[in-house]
Amino acid sequence: MYILRLCSIAVVTAISALILKNHKSELVPLCLVAGGVIIFLYAFDYLTESVEFIKSFTQTTGIDSDIVRTVFKIVGIGFIVELTASSIKELGFEGIADKLVLCGKIILFVVAIPILTATYKIIVSMINLA
């Protein structure tokens, strides 16, 4: 049901932008940004339920909370960079959007280093057990 509401908001935003394009083209970017913000805020409410589930799952399984926190940082960075780059592309600045995506990937790699380190430690400990 959430996805239908999100798609409805997107369709209304697109139709509104199309109508504005013919009458007041300078308002089209504002309409698209407003629609994007509404969609994002609506989805954010749905996301909080998932975060609560993952917290309880982490406590039950005993997974290190630092690893889960890092995964959330990675996902958050990816979403923010993608949303921002898409918005910049809609405004017609593809070059800067591509540079933003590249820098986002570099930041994601740096943030993921603790996960790589933890994975390495697990592999080494498994080899020593054998």
C-alpha atoms as a PDB file:
ATOM      1  CA  MET A   1       0.000   0.000   0.000  1.00  0.00           C
ATOM      2  CA  TYR A   2       2.912   2.358   0.733  1.00  0.00           C
ATOM      3  CA  ILE A   3       4.272   1.931  -2.762  1.00  0.00           C
ATOM      4  CA  LEU A   4       0.944   2.919  -4.327  1.00  0.00           C
ATOM      5  CA  ARG A   5       0.875   6.094  -2.263  1.00  0.00           C
ATOM      6  CA  LEU A   6       4.457   6.906  -3.180  1.00  0.00           C
ATOM      7  CA  CYS A   7       3.759   6.320  -6.868  1.00  0.00           C
ATOM      8  CA  SER A   8       0.637   8.483  -6.657  1.00  0.00           C
ATOM      9  CA  ILE A   9       2.639  11.335  -5.166  1.00  0.00           C
ATOM     10  CA  ALA A  10       5.228  10.939  -7.935  1.00  0.00           C
ATOM     11  CA  VAL A  11       2.561  10.965 -10.659  1.00  0.00           C
ATOM     12  CA  VAL A  12       0.858  14.055  -9.210  1.00  0.00           C
ATOM     13  CA  THR A  13       4.243  15.779  -9.004  1.00  0.00           C
ATOM     14  CA  ALA A  14       5.078  14.883 -12.610  1.00  0.00           C
ATOM     15  CA  ILE A  15       1.696  16.052 -13.917  1.00  0.00           C
ATOM     16  CA  SER A  16       1.976  19.280 -11.930  1.00  0.00           C
ATOM     17  CA  ALA A  17       5.453  19.889 -13.340  1.00  0.00           C
ATOM     18  CA  LEU A  18       4.186  19.195 -16.856  1.00  0.00           C
ATOM     19  CA  ILE A  19       1.345  21.703 -16.440  1.00  0.00           C
ATOM     20  CA  LEU A  20       3.720  24.277 -14.957  1.00  0.00           C
ATOM     21  CA  LYS A  21       6.171  23.724 -17.802  1.00  0.00           C
ATOM     22  CA  ASN A  22       3.679  25.238 -20.254  1.00  0.00           C
ATOM     23  CA  HIS A  23       2.658  28.190 -18.069  1.00  0.00           C
ATOM     24  CA  LYS A  24       5.399  29.032 -15.558  1.00  0.00           C
ATOM     25  CA  SER A  25       8.505  27.086 -16.491  1.00  0.00           C
ATOM     26  CA  GLU A  26      10.603  28.733 -13.773  1.00  0.00           C
ATOM     27  CA  LEU A  27       8.498  26.972 -11.133  1.00  0.00           C
ATOM     28  CA  VAL A  28       9.116  23.458 -12.494  1.00  0.00           C
ATOM     29  CA  PRO A  29      12.325  22.829 -10.489  1.00  0.00           C
ATOM     30  CA  LEU A  30      10.596  23.967  -7.290  1.00  0.00           C
ATOM     31  CA  CYS A  31       7.669  21.659  -7.987  1.00  0.00           C
ATOM     32  CA  LEU A  32       9.987  18.706  -8.570  1.00  0.00           C
ATOM     33  CA  VAL A  33      11.998  19.412  -5.437  1.00  0.00           C
ATOM     34  CA  ALA A  34       8.818  19.776  -3.364  1.00  0.00           C
ATOM     35  CA  GLY A  35       7.481  16.479  -4.709  1.00  0.00           C
ATOM     36  CA  GLY A  36      10.792  14.777  -4.021  1.00  0.00           C
ATOM     37  CA  VAL A  37      10.852  16.056  -0.442  1.00  0.00           C
ATOM     38  CA  ILE A  38       7.278  14.865   0.158  1.00  0.00           C
ATOM     39  CA  ILE A  39       8.127  11.422  -1.215  1.00  0.00           C
ATOM     40  CA  PHE A  40      11.267  11.240   0.884  1.00  0.00           C
ATOM     41  CA  LEU A  41       9.507  12.273   4.096  1.00  0.00           C
ATOM     42  CA  TYR A  42       6.709   9.813   3.480  1.00  0.00           C
ATOM     43  CA  ALA A  43       9.167   6.981   2.908  1.00  0.00           C
ATOM     44  CA  PHE A  44      11.164   8.013   5.979  1.00  0.00           C
ATOM     45  CA  ASP A  45       8.231   7.077   8.230  1.00  0.00           C
ATOM     46  CA  TYR A  46       8.208   3.598   6.699  1.00  0.00           C
ATOM     47  CA  LEU A  47      11.962   3.343   7.171  1.00  0.00           C
ATOM     48  CA  THR A  48      11.793   3.900  10.930  1.00  0.00           C
ATOM     49  CA  GLU A  49       9.780   0.687  11.338  1.00  0.00           C
ATOM     50  CA  SER A  50      12.491  -1.250   9.510  1.00  0.00           C
ATOM     51  CA  VAL A  51      15.217   0.286  11.656  1.00  0.00           C
ATOM     52  CA  GLU A  52      13.456  -0.877  14.819  1.00  0.00           C
ATOM     53  CA  PHE A  53      13.259  -4.412  13.434  1.00  0.00           C
ATOM     54  CA  ILE A  54      16.954  -4.408  12.553  1.00  0.00           C
ATOM     55  CA  LYS A  55      17.856  -3.164  16.054  1.00  0.00           C
ATOM     56  CA  SER A  56      15.963  -6.019  17.685  1.00  0.00           C
ATOM     57  CA  PHE A  57      17.424  -8.511  15.181  1.00  0.00           C
ATOM     58  CA  THR A  58      20.946  -7.274  15.959  1.00  0.00           C
ATOM     59  CA  GLN A  59      20.416  -7.655  19.704  1.00  0.00           C
ATOM     60  CA  THR A  60      18.992 -11.152  19.283  1.00  0.00           C
ATOM     61  CA  THR A  61      21.777 -12.443  17.031  1.00  0.00           C
ATOM     62  CA  GLY A  62      24.649 -10.702  18.818  1.00  0.00           C
ATOM     63  CA  ILE A  63      25.983  -8.913  15.747  1.00  0.00           C
ATOM     64  CA  ASP A  64      28.357  -6.082  16.651  1.00  0.00           C
ATOM     65  CA  SER A  65      26.412  -2.812  16.696  1.00  0.00           C
ATOM     66  CA  ASP A  66      29.330  -0.928  15.122  1.00  0.00           C
ATOM     67  CA  ILE A  67      29.017  -3.052  12.001  1.00  0.00           C
ATOM     68  CA  VAL A  68      25.269  -2.412  11.765  1.00  0.00           C
ATOM     69  CA  ARG A  69      25.834   1.308  12.334  1.00  0.00           C
ATOM     70  CA  THR A  70      28.412   1.332   9.539  1.00  0.00           C
ATOM     71  CA  VAL A  71      26.028  -0.453   7.188  1.00  0.00           C
ATOM     72  CA  PHE A  72      23.360   2.164   7.947  1.00  0.00           C
ATOM     73  CA  LYS A  73      25.879   4.932   7.265  1.00  0.00           C
ATOM     74  CA  ILE A  74      26.733   3.347   3.922  1.00  0.00           C
ATOM     75  CA  VAL A  75      23.089   3.008   2.916  1.00  0.00           C
ATOM     76  CA  GLY A  76      22.316   6.552   4.062  1.00  0.00           C
ATOM     77  CA  ILE A  77      25.247   8.022   2.162  1.00  0.00           C
ATOM     78  CA  GLY A  78      24.203   6.115  -0.945  1.00  0.00           C
ATOM     79  CA  PHE A  79      20.612   7.351  -0.718  1.00  0.00           C
ATOM     80  CA  ILE A  80      21.609  10.958  -0.092  1.00  0.00           C
ATOM     81  CA  VAL A  81      24.142  11.028  -2.916  1.00  0.00           C
ATOM     82  CA  GLU A  82      21.727   9.376  -5.364  1.00  0.00           C
ATOM     83  CA  LEU A  83      18.859  11.714  -4.438  1.00  0.00           C
ATOM     84  CA  THR A  84      21.057  14.793  -4.721  1.00  0.00           C
ATOM     85  CA  ALA A  85      22.654  13.679  -7.992  1.00  0.00           C
ATOM     86  CA  SER A  86      19.255  12.929  -9.525  1.00  0.00           C
ATOM     87  CA  SER A  87      17.961  16.340  -8.505  1.00  0.00           C
ATOM     88  CA  ILE A  88      21.022  18.037  -9.980  1.00  0.00           C
ATOM     89  CA  LYS A  89      20.600  16.062 -13.233  1.00  0.00           C
ATOM     90  CA  GLU A  90      16.971  17.184 -13.439  1.00  0.00           C
ATOM     91  CA  LEU A  91      18.203  20.757 -13.335  1.00  0.00           C
ATOM     92  CA  GLY A  92      20.453  19.999 -16.306  1.00  0.00           C
ATOM     93  CA  PHE A  93      23.856  19.824 -14.619  1.00  0.00           C
ATOM     94  CA  GLU A  94      24.914  16.255 -15.429  1.00  0.00           C
ATOM     95  CA  GLY A  95      28.629  16.951 -15.085  1.00  0.00           C
ATOM     96  CA  ILE A  96      28.457  18.018 -11.451  1.00  0.00           C
ATOM     97  CA  ALA A  97      26.022  15.187 -10.687  1.00  0.00           C
ATOM     98  CA  ASP A  98      28.484  12.641 -12.090  1.00  0.00           C
ATOM     99  CA  LYS A  99      31.295  14.119  -9.999  1.00  0.00           C
ATOM    100  CA  LEU A 100      29.090  13.937  -6.913  1.00  0.00           C
ATOM    101  CA  VAL A 101      28.390  10.241  -7.571  1.00  0.00           C
ATOM    102  CA  LEU A 102      32.113   9.536  -7.979  1.00  0.00           C
ATOM    103  CA  CYS A 103      32.961  11.326  -4.710  1.00  0.00           C
ATOM    104  CA  GLY A 104      30.110   9.458  -3.010  1.00  0.00           C
ATOM    105  CA  LYS A 105      31.614   6.148  -4.107  1.00  0.00           C
ATOM    106  CA  ILE A 106      34.996   7.149  -2.713  1.00  0.00           C
ATOM    107  CA  ILE A 107      33.409   8.098   0.614  1.00  0.00           C
ATOM    108  CA  LEU A 108      31.481   4.805   0.677  1.00  0.00           C
ATOM    109  CA  PHE A 109      34.713   2.884   0.195  1.00  0.00           C
ATOM    110  CA  VAL A 110      36.393   4.726   3.062  1.00  0.00           C
ATOM    111  CA  VAL A 111      33.397   4.222   5.364  1.00  0.00           C
ATOM    112  CA  ALA A 112      33.327   0.494   4.498  1.00  0.00           C
ATOM    113  CA  ILE A 113      36.921  -0.116   5.661  1.00  0.00           C
ATOM    114  CA  PRO A 114      35.846  -1.167   9.207  1.00  0.00           C
ATOM    115  CA  ILE A 115      33.584  -3.824   7.671  1.00  0.00           C
ATOM    116  CA  LEU A 116      36.469  -5.088   5.547  1.00  0.00           C
ATOM    117  CA  THR A 117      38.679  -5.195   8.636  1.00  0.00           C
ATOM    118  CA  ALA A 118      36.070  -7.133  10.633  1.00  0.00           C
ATOM    119  CA  THR A 119      35.606  -9.564   7.746  1.00  0.00           C
ATOM    120  CA  TYR A 120      39.370 -10.085   7.563  1.00  0.00           C
ATOM    121  CA  LYS A 121      39.542 -10.825  11.294  1.00  0.00           C
ATOM    122  CA  ILE A 122      36.728 -13.374  11.010  1.00  0.00           C
ATOM    123  CA  ILE A 123      38.433 -15.129   8.097  1.00  0.00           C
ATOM    124  CA  VAL A 124      41.782 -15.247   9.917  1.00  0.00           C
ATOM    125  CA  SER A 125      40.137 -16.644  13.062  1.00  0.00           C
ATOM    126  CA  MET A 126      38.364 -19.314  10.992  1.00  0.00           C
ATOM    127  CA  ILE A 127      41.629 -20.314   9.330  1.00  0.00           C
ATOM    128  CA  ASN A 128      43.342 -20.610  12.713  1.00  0.00           C
ATOM    129  CA  LEU A 129      40.547 -22.894  13.952  1.00  0.00           C
ATOM    130  CA  ALA A 130      40.972 -25.332  11.086  1.00  0.00           C
END
